[in-house]
Protein backbone atom coordinates (compact mmCIF):
# COMPACT_ATOMS: atom_id res chain seq x y z
CA MET A 1 5.50 94.85 80.50
CA LEU A 2 8.66 96.95 80.56
CA SER A 3 11.95 95.39 79.45
CA ASP A 4 14.43 94.18 82.07
CA LEU A 5 16.68 97.14 81.33
CA GLU A 6 13.81 99.62 81.64
CA ILE A 7 12.75 98.12 84.97
CA ALA A 8 16.31 98.20 86.29
CA ARG A 9 16.85 101.76 85.11
CA ALA A 10 13.65 102.97 86.81
CA ALA A 11 14.52 101.38 90.17
CA LYS A 12 15.25 103.55 93.20
CA LEU A 13 18.36 101.99 94.67
CA GLN A 14 19.40 102.22 98.29
CA PRO A 15 22.94 103.41 99.07
CA ILE A 16 25.13 100.34 99.46
CA VAL A 17 26.11 101.45 102.98
CA ASP A 18 22.45 100.98 103.95
CA ILE A 19 22.39 97.50 102.39
CA ALA A 20 25.57 96.70 104.34
CA GLY A 21 23.83 97.93 107.49
CA GLN A 22 21.08 95.32 106.99
CA LEU A 23 23.78 92.68 107.40
CA GLY A 24 25.37 94.36 110.40
CA LEU A 25 28.40 95.48 108.40
CA ALA A 26 30.08 98.70 109.50
CA GLU A 27 31.23 101.27 106.95
CA ASP A 28 34.88 100.53 107.76
CA GLU A 29 34.25 96.86 106.81
CA ILE A 30 33.46 97.64 103.19
CA ASP A 31 35.23 99.40 100.30
CA LEU A 32 32.89 101.46 98.13
CA TYR A 33 32.83 101.16 94.35
CA GLY A 34 30.52 104.11 93.75
CA ARG A 35 27.21 104.45 95.61
CA TYR A 36 25.72 101.06 94.82
CA LYS A 37 28.55 98.49 94.92
CA ALA A 38 31.08 97.54 97.56
CA LYS A 39 33.72 94.98 98.47
CA VAL A 40 33.42 93.30 101.88
CA HIS A 41 36.57 92.84 103.97
CA LEU A 42 37.50 89.24 104.74
CA ASP A 43 38.23 89.96 108.42
CA VAL A 44 34.45 90.08 108.91
CA LEU A 45 34.60 86.26 108.79
CA ASP A 46 36.63 86.25 112.00
CA ARG A 47 34.22 88.64 113.72
CA VAL A 48 31.14 86.48 113.05
CA SER A 49 32.75 83.03 113.16
CA GLY A 50 31.13 81.93 116.42
CA ARG A 51 27.52 82.47 115.37
CA ARG A 52 25.02 79.65 114.88
CA GLY A 53 24.28 80.72 111.32
CA GLY A 54 21.16 80.89 109.19
CA LYS A 55 19.46 78.43 106.86
CA TYR A 56 21.29 77.54 103.66
CA VAL A 57 19.25 76.96 100.48
CA ILE A 58 20.60 75.77 97.12
CA VAL A 59 18.68 76.66 93.93
CA THR A 60 19.04 74.29 90.97
CA ALA A 61 16.91 73.37 87.94
CA ILE A 62 15.88 70.85 85.33
CA ASN A 63 17.82 70.78 82.05
CA PRO A 64 16.93 74.04 80.31
CA THR A 65 15.98 75.06 76.82
CA PRO A 66 18.65 77.23 75.16
CA LEU A 67 16.61 80.22 76.45
CA GLY A 68 17.18 79.41 80.13
CA GLU A 69 14.36 78.68 82.59
CA GLY A 70 14.79 81.47 85.15
CA LYS A 71 17.01 80.03 87.86
CA THR A 72 18.53 83.41 88.75
CA VAL A 73 15.11 85.06 88.52
CA THR A 74 13.88 82.48 91.02
CA THR A 75 16.89 82.92 93.31
CA VAL A 76 16.40 86.69 93.44
CA GLY A 77 12.60 86.42 93.64
CA LEU A 78 12.77 83.86 96.46
CA THR A 79 15.09 86.18 98.40
CA GLN A 80 12.57 89.00 97.94
CA GLY A 81 9.68 86.64 98.77
CA LEU A 82 11.29 85.68 102.08
CA LYS A 83 11.67 89.36 102.91
CA ALA A 84 7.97 89.87 102.03
CA ILE A 85 6.93 87.28 104.63
CA GLY A 86 9.22 88.78 107.26
CA LYS A 87 12.24 86.48 107.00
CA PRO A 88 15.75 88.01 106.84
CA SER A 89 17.32 86.82 103.60
CA MET A 90 20.03 87.40 101.04
CA ALA A 91 21.24 85.85 97.79
CA CYS A 92 24.70 84.63 96.78
CA LEU A 93 25.23 84.68 93.00
CA ARG A 94 28.02 84.21 90.49
CA GLN A 95 29.36 87.10 88.43
CA PRO A 96 28.28 86.73 84.79
CA SER A 97 30.80 86.13 82.05
CA MET A 98 30.67 88.59 79.18
CA GLY A 99 30.83 85.59 76.84
CA PRO A 100 27.13 84.74 77.29
CA THR A 101 26.23 88.42 77.84
CA PHE A 102 27.32 89.20 74.27
CA GLY A 103 26.53 85.72 72.91
CA ILE A 104 23.23 83.79 73.12
CA LYS A 105 21.88 84.05 76.66
CA GLY A 106 22.40 87.74 77.36
CA GLY A 107 22.91 88.94 80.93
CA ALA A 108 22.39 86.98 84.13
CA ALA A 109 21.01 89.50 86.64
CA GLY A 110 17.61 87.83 86.80
CA GLY A 111 14.70 89.48 85.04
CA GLY A 112 11.46 91.40 85.30
CA TYR A 113 10.87 92.50 88.90
CA SER A 114 13.40 90.04 90.34
CA GLN A 115 16.78 91.45 89.37
CA VAL A 116 20.14 92.35 90.87
CA VAL A 117 20.91 96.04 90.42
CA PRO A 118 22.65 98.02 89.05
CA MET A 119 21.92 95.53 86.27
CA VAL A 120 24.35 97.00 83.74
CA ASP A 121 27.26 96.93 86.20
CA PHE A 122 26.40 93.37 87.25
CA ASN A 123 26.47 92.11 83.66
CA LEU A 124 29.62 93.91 82.58
CA HIS A 125 32.80 94.65 84.54
CA LEU A 126 31.35 94.94 88.07
CA THR A 127 34.45 95.55 90.24
CA GLY A 128 36.95 93.89 87.90
CA ASP A 129 37.15 90.39 89.43
CA MET A 130 36.79 88.66 86.05
CA HIS A 131 39.68 90.69 84.65
CA ALA A 132 41.83 89.91 87.69
CA VAL A 133 41.22 86.19 87.17
CA GLY A 134 42.18 86.52 83.50
CA ALA A 135 45.31 88.53 84.29
CA ALA A 136 46.52 86.08 86.95
CA HIS A 137 45.82 83.11 84.68
CA ASN A 138 47.63 84.62 81.69
CA LEU A 139 50.59 85.76 83.81
CA LEU A 140 51.11 82.10 84.69
CA ALA A 141 50.89 81.18 80.99
CA ALA A 142 53.47 83.86 80.11
CA ALA A 143 55.78 82.70 82.92
CA LEU A 144 55.58 79.13 81.62
CA ASP A 145 56.45 80.05 78.04
CA ALA A 146 59.24 82.34 79.22
CA ARG A 147 60.79 79.55 81.29
CA LEU A 148 60.59 77.16 78.32
CA MET A 149 62.49 79.67 76.17
CA HIS A 150 65.13 80.58 78.77
CA GLU A 151 65.87 76.98 79.72
CA THR A 152 66.50 76.22 76.05
CA ARG A 153 68.99 79.08 75.72
CA LEU A 154 70.75 79.21 79.11
CA SER A 155 73.17 76.82 80.81
CA ASP A 156 72.67 75.55 84.35
CA GLU A 157 75.31 78.05 85.55
CA GLN A 158 73.54 80.95 83.82
CA LEU A 159 70.22 79.89 85.31
CA ALA A 160 71.75 79.68 88.78
CA ARG A 161 73.07 83.26 88.49
CA ARG A 162 69.46 84.28 87.93
CA ASN A 163 68.26 82.27 90.97
CA MET A 164 66.48 79.80 88.66
CA LEU A 165 66.57 76.01 88.81
CA ARG A 166 66.23 74.03 85.61
CA LEU A 167 62.70 72.63 85.67
CA ASP A 168 63.19 70.48 82.57
CA ILE A 169 59.56 70.89 81.52
CA ASP A 170 58.17 68.32 79.12
CA PRO A 171 56.39 70.54 76.54
CA TYR A 172 54.11 67.68 75.49
CA THR A 173 52.54 67.57 78.96
CA ILE A 174 51.62 71.27 79.21
CA ASN A 175 47.99 71.59 80.28
CA TRP A 176 47.85 75.36 80.84
CA ARG A 177 46.09 77.36 78.13
CA ARG A 178 45.32 81.07 78.06
CA VAL A 179 41.89 82.62 78.76
CA VAL A 180 39.75 85.50 77.55
CA ASP A 181 36.23 86.57 78.63
CA VAL A 182 34.80 86.43 75.10
CA ASN A 183 33.23 83.59 73.12
CA ASP A 184 35.87 83.09 70.40
CA ARG A 185 35.93 79.66 68.75
CA ALA A 186 38.87 80.65 66.49
CA LEU A 187 41.12 80.53 69.57
CA ARG A 188 40.28 76.95 70.59
CA HIS A 189 43.33 75.49 68.82
CA ILE A 190 46.31 77.70 67.97
CA VAL A 191 50.10 77.63 67.66
CA VAL A 192 52.21 80.12 69.62
CA GLY A 193 55.88 81.04 69.41
CA LEU A 194 56.08 81.45 65.64
CA GLY A 195 58.76 83.85 64.53
CA THR A 196 62.29 84.49 65.78
CA GLU A 197 63.96 82.74 68.70
CA GLU A 198 62.98 85.70 70.89
CA ASP A 199 59.30 84.98 70.20
CA GLY A 200 59.36 81.77 72.24
CA ARG A 201 59.28 78.06 71.55
CA PRO A 202 56.59 77.01 69.03
CA ARG A 203 53.92 74.73 70.45
CA GLU A 204 50.25 73.90 70.07
CA THR A 205 47.90 75.42 72.64
CA GLY A 206 44.63 77.34 72.77
CA PHE A 207 42.32 79.57 74.77
CA GLU A 208 39.51 78.83 77.19
CA ILE A 209 36.85 81.23 78.44
CA THR A 210 37.82 82.96 81.70
CA ALA A 211 34.91 81.40 83.61
CA ALA A 212 36.51 77.98 82.96
CA SER A 213 39.89 79.06 84.38
CA GLU A 214 41.29 77.11 87.30
CA ILE A 215 42.01 80.51 88.87
CA MET A 216 38.26 81.14 88.83
CA ALA A 217 37.68 77.77 90.51
CA ILE A 218 40.31 78.63 93.12
CA LEU A 219 38.58 81.95 93.81
CA ALA A 220 35.30 80.11 94.31
CA LEU A 221 36.71 77.34 96.54
CA ALA A 222 39.23 79.27 98.68
CA HIS A 223 38.38 79.87 102.35
CA ASP A 224 40.31 83.15 102.60
CA GLY A 225 43.26 85.01 101.14
CA VAL A 226 45.83 82.68 102.71
CA ASP A 227 44.10 79.61 101.33
CA MET A 228 43.84 81.25 97.90
CA ARG A 229 47.60 81.93 97.92
CA ARG A 230 48.28 78.28 98.83
CA ARG A 231 46.00 77.01 96.07
CA LEU A 232 47.54 79.33 93.48
CA ALA A 233 50.99 77.99 94.38
CA HIS A 234 49.82 74.41 93.79
CA THR A 235 48.38 75.12 90.34
CA MET A 236 49.94 72.55 88.02
CA VAL A 237 50.86 73.60 84.48
CA ALA A 238 52.85 70.60 83.19
CA LEU A 239 55.07 67.67 84.13
CA ASP A 240 58.83 67.58 83.99
CA ARG A 241 60.65 64.91 82.00
CA ASN A 242 60.69 62.66 85.07
CA GLY A 243 56.90 62.84 85.35
CA ARG A 244 56.79 65.21 88.34
CA PRO A 245 54.32 68.13 88.56
CA VAL A 246 55.48 71.62 87.61
CA THR A 247 53.50 74.27 89.49
CA ALA A 248 53.12 78.03 89.66
CA GLU A 249 55.39 78.01 92.71
CA HIS A 250 58.13 76.25 90.73
CA LEU A 251 57.88 79.06 88.19
CA GLY A 252 58.10 81.67 90.97
CA VAL A 253 54.84 83.32 89.97
CA GLY A 254 52.42 82.24 92.73
CA GLY A 255 52.99 85.36 94.82
CA ALA A 256 52.47 87.73 91.91
CA MET A 257 49.23 85.94 90.99
CA ALA A 258 47.99 86.36 94.57
CA VAL A 259 48.79 90.07 94.41
CA ILE A 260 46.69 90.42 91.25
CA MET A 261 43.84 88.63 93.06
CA LYS A 262 44.10 90.50 96.39
CA ASP A 263 40.89 92.52 95.85
CA ALA A 264 39.06 89.87 93.83
CA VAL A 265 39.05 87.53 96.85
CA GLN A 266 36.68 89.94 98.65
CA PRO A 267 32.96 89.39 97.88
CA ASN A 268 31.00 92.08 96.05
CA LEU A 269 27.90 93.47 97.77
CA MET A 270 24.90 94.54 95.67
CA GLN A 271 21.11 94.54 96.10
CA THR A 272 17.87 93.28 94.57
CA LEU A 273 15.21 95.60 93.15
CA GLU A 274 13.48 95.42 96.54
CA GLY A 275 16.58 96.18 98.59
CA SER A 276 17.64 92.70 99.72
CA PRO A 277 21.41 92.16 100.03
CA VAL A 278 23.23 90.13 97.37
CA PHE A 279 26.78 88.83 97.43
CA VAL A 280 28.21 88.43 93.92
CA HIS A 281 31.44 86.47 93.90
CA ALA A 282 33.24 84.21 91.40
CA GLY A 283 31.73 83.03 88.15
CA PRO A 284 32.59 79.46 87.10
CA PHE A 285 30.39 77.83 84.42
CA ALA A 286 28.54 74.72 85.58
CA ASN A 287 28.85 72.82 82.29
CA ILE A 288 32.65 73.23 82.23
CA ALA A 289 33.73 74.19 85.74
CA HIS A 290 31.99 73.51 89.07
CA GLY A 291 29.42 76.25 88.56
CA ASN A 292 28.89 77.73 92.03
CA SER A 293 29.46 81.05 93.76
CA SER A 294 32.25 81.33 96.29
CA ILE A 295 32.61 79.54 99.60
CA ILE A 296 33.69 82.88 101.11
CA ALA A 297 30.44 84.62 100.11
CA ASP A 298 28.23 81.74 101.28
CA ARG A 299 30.03 81.36 104.61
CA LEU A 300 29.90 85.09 105.22
CA GLY A 301 26.20 85.26 104.38
CA VAL A 302 25.22 82.34 106.61
CA GLN A 303 27.18 83.78 109.54
CA LEU A 304 25.84 87.31 109.10
CA LEU A 305 22.20 86.17 108.80
CA ASN A 306 22.09 84.31 112.07
CA ASP A 307 18.31 83.72 111.96
CA GLY A 308 17.76 84.22 108.23
CA TYR A 309 18.01 82.46 104.90
CA VAL A 310 20.93 82.48 102.46
CA ILE A 311 19.90 81.52 98.92
CA THR A 312 22.79 80.35 96.75
CA GLU A 313 22.59 79.15 93.15
CA ALA A 314 24.15 76.20 91.33
CA GLY A 315 24.47 76.55 87.57
CA PHE A 316 22.37 74.70 84.96
CA GLY A 317 20.54 71.48 85.90
CA SER A 318 20.83 69.43 89.08
CA GLU A 319 23.02 66.87 87.31
CA CYS A 320 25.55 69.67 86.67
CA GLY A 321 25.62 72.44 89.28
CA LEU A 322 23.95 70.63 92.18
CA GLU A 323 26.06 67.48 91.78
CA LYS A 324 29.21 69.62 91.78
CA PHE A 325 27.90 71.75 94.67
CA ALA A 326 27.52 68.59 96.73
CA ASN A 327 30.59 66.61 95.75
CA ILE A 328 33.11 69.44 95.25
CA LYS A 329 31.98 72.63 97.02
CA CYS A 330 30.47 71.02 100.12
CA ARG A 331 33.57 68.84 100.55
CA ALA A 332 35.67 72.02 100.68
CA MET A 333 33.62 73.76 103.39
CA GLU A 334 31.73 73.11 106.60
CA LEU A 335 28.33 74.35 105.36
CA ARG A 336 25.57 71.87 104.52
CA PRO A 337 22.35 72.82 102.69
CA ASP A 338 18.97 72.67 104.43
CA CYS A 339 16.85 72.53 101.27
CA ALA A 340 17.03 72.41 97.47
CA VAL A 341 14.79 74.50 95.20
CA LEU A 342 14.34 72.93 91.76
CA VAL A 343 13.29 75.41 89.07
CA ALA A 344 11.11 74.02 86.27
CA THR A 345 9.13 75.55 83.43
CA ILE A 346 6.27 74.04 81.51
CA ARG A 347 7.91 74.93 78.20
CA ALA A 348 11.10 73.03 79.10
CA LEU A 349 9.11 70.00 80.25
CA LYS A 350 7.21 70.04 76.95
CA MET A 351 10.53 70.13 75.11
CA HIS A 352 11.72 67.09 77.09
CA GLY A 353 8.42 65.40 76.24
CA GLY A 354 9.28 65.55 72.54
CA GLY A 355 8.22 69.11 71.69
CA PRO A 356 9.56 71.09 68.72
CA ARG A 357 13.12 72.39 68.76
CA VAL A 358 13.62 75.61 70.74
CA VAL A 359 15.90 78.05 68.91
CA PRO A 360 17.01 81.42 70.36
CA GLY A 361 15.72 84.32 68.27
CA ARG A 362 12.84 82.30 66.78
CA ARG A 363 9.23 82.39 67.94
CA LEU A 364 8.29 79.47 70.16
CA ALA A 365 6.19 76.79 68.44
CA ARG A 366 2.44 76.72 69.13
CA ALA A 367 2.84 73.69 71.43
CA TYR A 368 4.68 75.91 73.90
CA ARG A 369 2.16 78.76 73.69
CA ARG A 370 -1.04 76.73 74.09
CA GLU A 371 -2.22 74.17 76.62
CA ASN A 372 -0.92 70.71 75.70
CA LEU A 373 -1.32 68.30 78.58
CA GLU A 374 -0.29 65.25 76.56
CA LEU A 375 3.06 66.76 75.58
CA LEU A 376 3.64 68.06 79.11
CA ASP A 377 2.82 64.68 80.64
CA ALA A 378 5.38 63.03 78.35
CA GLY A 379 8.10 65.29 79.79
CA LEU A 380 7.29 64.90 83.47
CA ASN A 381 9.66 61.94 83.87
CA HIS A 382 12.43 64.50 83.32
CA LEU A 383 11.21 66.53 86.30
CA GLN A 384 10.99 63.37 88.40
CA ALA A 385 14.57 62.44 87.47
CA HIS A 386 15.84 65.79 88.78
CA ILE A 387 13.81 65.46 91.98
CA TYR A 388 15.46 62.06 92.45
CA ILE A 389 18.92 63.61 91.98
CA ALA A 390 18.32 66.25 94.66
CA ARG A 391 16.84 63.68 97.03
CA ARG A 392 19.83 61.40 96.32
CA PHE A 393 21.88 63.98 98.25
CA GLY A 394 19.47 63.78 101.18
CA LEU A 395 17.78 67.15 100.58
CA PRO A 396 14.11 68.09 100.86
CA VAL A 397 13.06 69.47 97.46
CA VAL A 398 10.74 72.36 96.65
CA VAL A 399 9.83 72.59 92.96
CA ALA A 400 9.47 76.21 91.81
CA ILE A 401 7.25 76.30 88.71
CA ASN A 402 8.48 79.46 87.03
CA ARG A 403 5.20 80.65 85.55
CA PHE A 404 4.86 82.08 82.05
CA GLU A 405 1.80 83.94 80.77
CA SER A 406 0.81 81.04 78.50
CA ASP A 407 0.84 78.44 81.30
CA THR A 408 -2.65 77.19 82.20
CA PRO A 409 -4.00 76.11 85.62
CA ALA A 410 -4.42 72.54 84.34
CA GLU A 411 -0.77 72.40 83.26
CA ILE A 412 0.44 73.79 86.59
CA ASP A 413 -1.70 71.29 88.50
CA LEU A 414 -0.26 68.43 86.43
CA VAL A 415 3.32 69.49 87.20
CA ARG A 416 2.53 69.91 90.90
CA GLU A 417 0.89 66.47 91.11
CA SER A 418 3.85 64.81 89.38
CA ALA A 419 6.38 66.54 91.63
CA LEU A 420 4.61 65.47 94.81
CA GLN A 421 4.35 61.88 93.54
CA ALA A 422 8.11 61.90 92.95
CA GLY A 423 8.77 62.88 96.56
CA ALA A 424 9.09 66.68 96.44
CA TYR A 425 8.30 68.42 99.73
CA ASP A 426 6.17 70.89 97.77
CA ALA A 427 5.66 72.28 94.27
CA VAL A 428 4.68 75.93 94.00
CA PRO A 429 3.97 78.30 91.09
CA SER A 430 6.34 81.26 91.14
CA ASP A 431 5.34 84.68 89.77
CA VAL A 432 8.48 86.54 90.79
CA PHE A 433 9.27 87.72 87.26
CA ALA A 434 6.03 89.70 87.01
CA HIS A 435 5.41 90.51 90.67
CA GLY A 436 8.74 90.43 92.48
CA GLY A 437 8.66 89.48 96.15
CA ASP A 438 4.87 89.40 96.28
CA GLY A 439 4.92 86.74 93.55
CA GLY A 440 7.34 84.66 95.64
CA ARG A 441 5.44 84.54 98.94
CA ASP A 442 4.09 81.01 98.42
CA LEU A 443 7.50 79.77 97.30
CA ALA A 444 9.11 81.40 100.34
CA ARG A 445 6.64 79.72 102.72
CA ALA A 446 7.32 76.35 101.10
CA VAL A 447 11.08 76.84 101.49
CA VAL A 448 10.70 77.80 105.16
CA GLY A 449 8.71 74.61 105.70
CA ALA A 450 11.21 72.44 103.81
CA CYS A 451 14.14 73.86 105.80
CA SER A 452 12.31 72.98 109.00
CA SER A 453 11.60 69.42 107.84
CA GLY A 454 15.22 68.39 108.22
CA SER A 455 17.84 67.30 105.68
CA ASN A 456 20.15 64.31 105.65
CA PHE A 457 22.86 65.58 103.34
CA THR A 458 25.25 62.99 101.95
CA PHE A 459 27.98 62.78 99.32
CA LEU A 460 27.59 60.62 96.24
CA TYR A 461 30.92 58.78 96.50
CA PRO A 462 33.89 58.45 98.87
CA LEU A 463 37.15 60.12 97.91
CA GLU A 464 38.85 56.75 98.35
CA ALA A 465 37.05 55.41 95.26
CA THR A 466 39.11 55.16 92.07
CA ILE A 467 38.80 57.79 89.35
CA GLU A 468 36.89 55.29 87.19
CA GLN A 469 34.53 54.44 90.06
CA LYS A 470 33.74 58.09 90.78
CA ILE A 471 32.92 58.80 87.14
CA GLN A 472 30.90 55.61 86.80
CA THR A 473 28.91 56.47 89.93
CA ILE A 474 28.03 59.93 88.58
CA ALA A 475 27.22 58.50 85.13
CA THR A 476 24.95 55.71 86.35
CA GLN A 477 23.34 57.25 89.44
CA ILE A 478 22.95 60.85 88.23
CA TYR A 479 22.91 60.74 84.41
CA GLY A 480 21.13 57.37 84.09
CA ALA A 481 23.82 55.89 81.83
CA ASP A 482 24.42 52.15 81.58
CA GLY A 483 28.16 52.66 81.93
CA VAL A 484 31.15 54.73 80.78
CA ASP A 485 33.34 54.53 77.68
CA PHE A 486 36.80 55.89 78.52
CA LEU A 487 38.55 56.86 75.29
CA PRO A 488 42.31 56.13 75.06
CA LEU A 489 43.46 59.63 76.14
CA ALA A 490 41.16 59.53 79.17
CA GLN A 491 42.43 56.06 80.14
CA GLN A 492 46.02 57.25 79.80
CA LYS A 493 45.32 60.24 82.06
CA ILE A 494 43.64 58.03 84.67
CA GLU A 495 46.76 55.87 84.89
CA GLN A 496 49.02 58.93 85.03
CA TYR A 497 47.02 60.77 87.70
CA THR A 498 46.63 57.64 89.81
CA ALA A 499 50.41 57.16 89.78
CA LEU A 500 50.83 60.79 90.88
CA GLY A 501 48.38 60.35 93.77
CA PHE A 502 45.65 62.58 92.31
CA ASP A 503 43.06 59.79 92.43
CA MET A 504 41.89 61.00 95.87
CA LEU A 505 40.45 64.19 94.33
CA PRO A 506 36.75 64.64 93.52
CA VAL A 507 35.76 64.73 89.85
CA ASN A 508 34.21 67.67 88.00
CA MET A 509 32.25 66.55 84.93
CA ALA A 510 32.33 68.85 81.89
CA LYS A 511 29.25 68.07 79.78
CA THR A 512 26.38 69.63 77.88
CA PRO A 513 23.78 71.37 80.10
CA LEU A 514 20.97 70.61 77.63
CA SER A 515 20.58 66.92 78.47
CA LEU A 516 21.03 64.55 81.39
CA SER A 517 23.50 62.77 79.09
CA HIS A 518 26.61 63.94 77.21
CA ASP A 519 24.56 64.35 74.01
CA PRO A 520 22.52 67.60 73.81
CA GLU A 521 20.04 65.95 71.42
CA LEU A 522 18.95 63.33 73.98
CA LYS A 523 16.02 64.90 75.82
CA GLY A 524 13.74 63.61 78.57
CA VAL A 525 15.38 60.80 80.55
CA PRO A 526 17.91 59.12 78.22
CA SER A 527 18.58 55.43 78.74
CA GLY A 528 20.44 52.61 77.05
CA TYR A 529 23.61 54.62 76.44
CA ASN A 530 27.17 54.81 77.73
CA LEU A 531 28.67 58.11 78.83
CA GLN A 532 31.64 59.03 76.65
CA VAL A 533 34.70 60.48 78.44
CA ARG A 534 37.30 61.67 75.97
CA ASP A 535 39.84 63.36 78.27
CA ILE A 536 40.57 63.98 81.95
CA ARG A 537 42.49 67.01 83.20
CA VAL A 538 43.68 68.09 86.62
CA SER A 539 43.02 71.33 88.50
CA LEU A 540 45.43 70.71 91.35
CA GLY A 541 45.10 74.16 92.93
CA ALA A 542 41.32 74.02 92.84
CA GLY A 543 41.45 70.46 94.14
CA PHE A 544 39.63 68.39 91.53
CA LEU A 545 39.98 66.40 88.34
CA TYR A 546 37.69 67.22 85.45
CA ALA A 547 36.44 64.89 82.79
CA LEU A 548 35.52 66.12 79.31
CA CYS A 549 32.40 64.30 78.12
CA GLY A 550 31.19 64.09 74.54
CA GLU A 551 31.81 67.18 72.42
CA ILE A 552 31.85 69.76 75.23
CA GLN A 553 34.08 72.76 74.51
CA THR A 554 35.92 74.88 77.08
CA MET A 555 35.76 77.86 74.70
CA PRO A 556 32.21 78.63 73.46
CA GLY A 557 31.53 80.18 70.07
CA LEU A 558 29.33 83.07 69.00
CA PRO A 559 25.98 82.39 67.30
CA SER A 560 25.00 83.82 63.92
CA ASP A 561 22.76 86.37 65.68
CA PRO A 562 24.77 87.38 68.78
CA ALA A 563 23.37 89.53 71.57
CA PHE A 564 26.09 92.16 71.05
CA ALA A 565 24.42 93.18 67.76
CA ARG A 566 21.61 94.79 69.82
CA ILE A 567 23.79 96.50 72.43
CA ASP A 568 24.86 100.13 72.07
CA ILE A 569 25.33 103.33 74.00
CA GLY A 570 23.30 106.45 73.21
CA GLU A 571 24.35 110.08 73.06
CA ASP A 572 22.99 110.49 76.59
CA GLY A 573 25.40 107.80 77.84
CA GLN A 574 22.63 105.26 78.48
CA ILE A 575 23.31 101.65 77.49
CA GLU A 576 20.63 100.07 75.31
CA GLY A 577 19.84 96.48 74.34
CA LEU A 578 21.38 94.72 77.35
CA SER A 579 19.13 91.98 78.75
């Protein structure tokens, strides 16, 4: 079989104006970025606001191996499969971070014959949204450090002549770090301001990856440009010495940040290999941030496809992206999902059954390449746990068994039987990687049936619950923990944020994606443990608190054999090695 890049390069793409036409978008409602990409104007939302809207499907997964289990492949393939059975459809995806693209995972455009194209553009700069997020975030960081320096040097009278009020920022409460779209562990903990007085006040800080930026979360959760501007203004960077929040608006930088983001707030329009529309917008990680594409893109898609299906994707496993989709994203919008698709692979279930370690770059062990019903059966409780999570939110569940060449009929039958016993609406093998839309027909039919069966969507906890109660509910009901250990810093933050009135916000859990627990080594369905919460931070503009669990890092590191080592550009200008 051809490589992903070879398949993408050989594709005959439709002009993006024709893709826009499928959605009923006029040429004056899009801005072209070449022939195959466009930005969609936000005023389209007003034009289609009164429509009934199409079906809304969320794609999630079991906890993956480090290789990934094909959630984006399934999202794209399902969209193509729906088109193959005559159902109008489109996908809503996140923009990839170049951290994973050049790190372990590689690109995130799908794979095989279920990809978003142009694949190279999708995986790299696209239309520049990621850079706009980074620029707006770092402008706020620069404004903060500048104000710290000037308030140290200038009197109240001198500040007043410059139309500046003394904010009296407590430097020990600063929670705003800088960002960069590269995996760079050396930047996790740094000291800035070393040098002369003009170089700024020395303090400890660090970098996070751009996908984890609160500005990225704001982009994903904003309803429109006005709402984005409001959220940017409320972004909290520190407390003053009286314990009051200091925000971007206090620093006078909220408007400039919104200007940087004025084009990024518009969704990007692309297409699948088979010419189905795709909105690509925002790119938060699901292990660190809330891990879902934008509310704007999803709303626009559902309204445009009045009698169709909008397939959106939540990052990593259901305990990460789906939980955050339900408790954070769905609280911020009026849309409610009709169905959940849970992606599973036989190799990942074998891993959760106690199979050998899966290491990127190394050949899979024989247990993953040969039929092993005993090992697979031992991992099926993991699949059942994720079905329970999706059903906990009141959603009918379709299990998509992302088929690999080594999977046997007996193994597929065993997975299907287990899924149905656990309450899944259906469990269907998916061959979208090898066969595109034709390989997704059965999955598409199952999704149509599930959407018609009715959902009873519900949140996991009320906003009125305390911060501790919200975290304990997620830990016990979703992760299967016995309880929660709040380390001293986390307990201190809970008291502080409760006093400030932030306890009414939902909670975003930052944890490993490789386990239901906070420990990546605990596979299957861990039990008899307490979730460890070491810190809690606030994203006031985005509208949530986030808890750091275990050893999770907000700045990933590069592996010893990074993907960038295989990426190059030839004399003919063609990019090689991107996957």
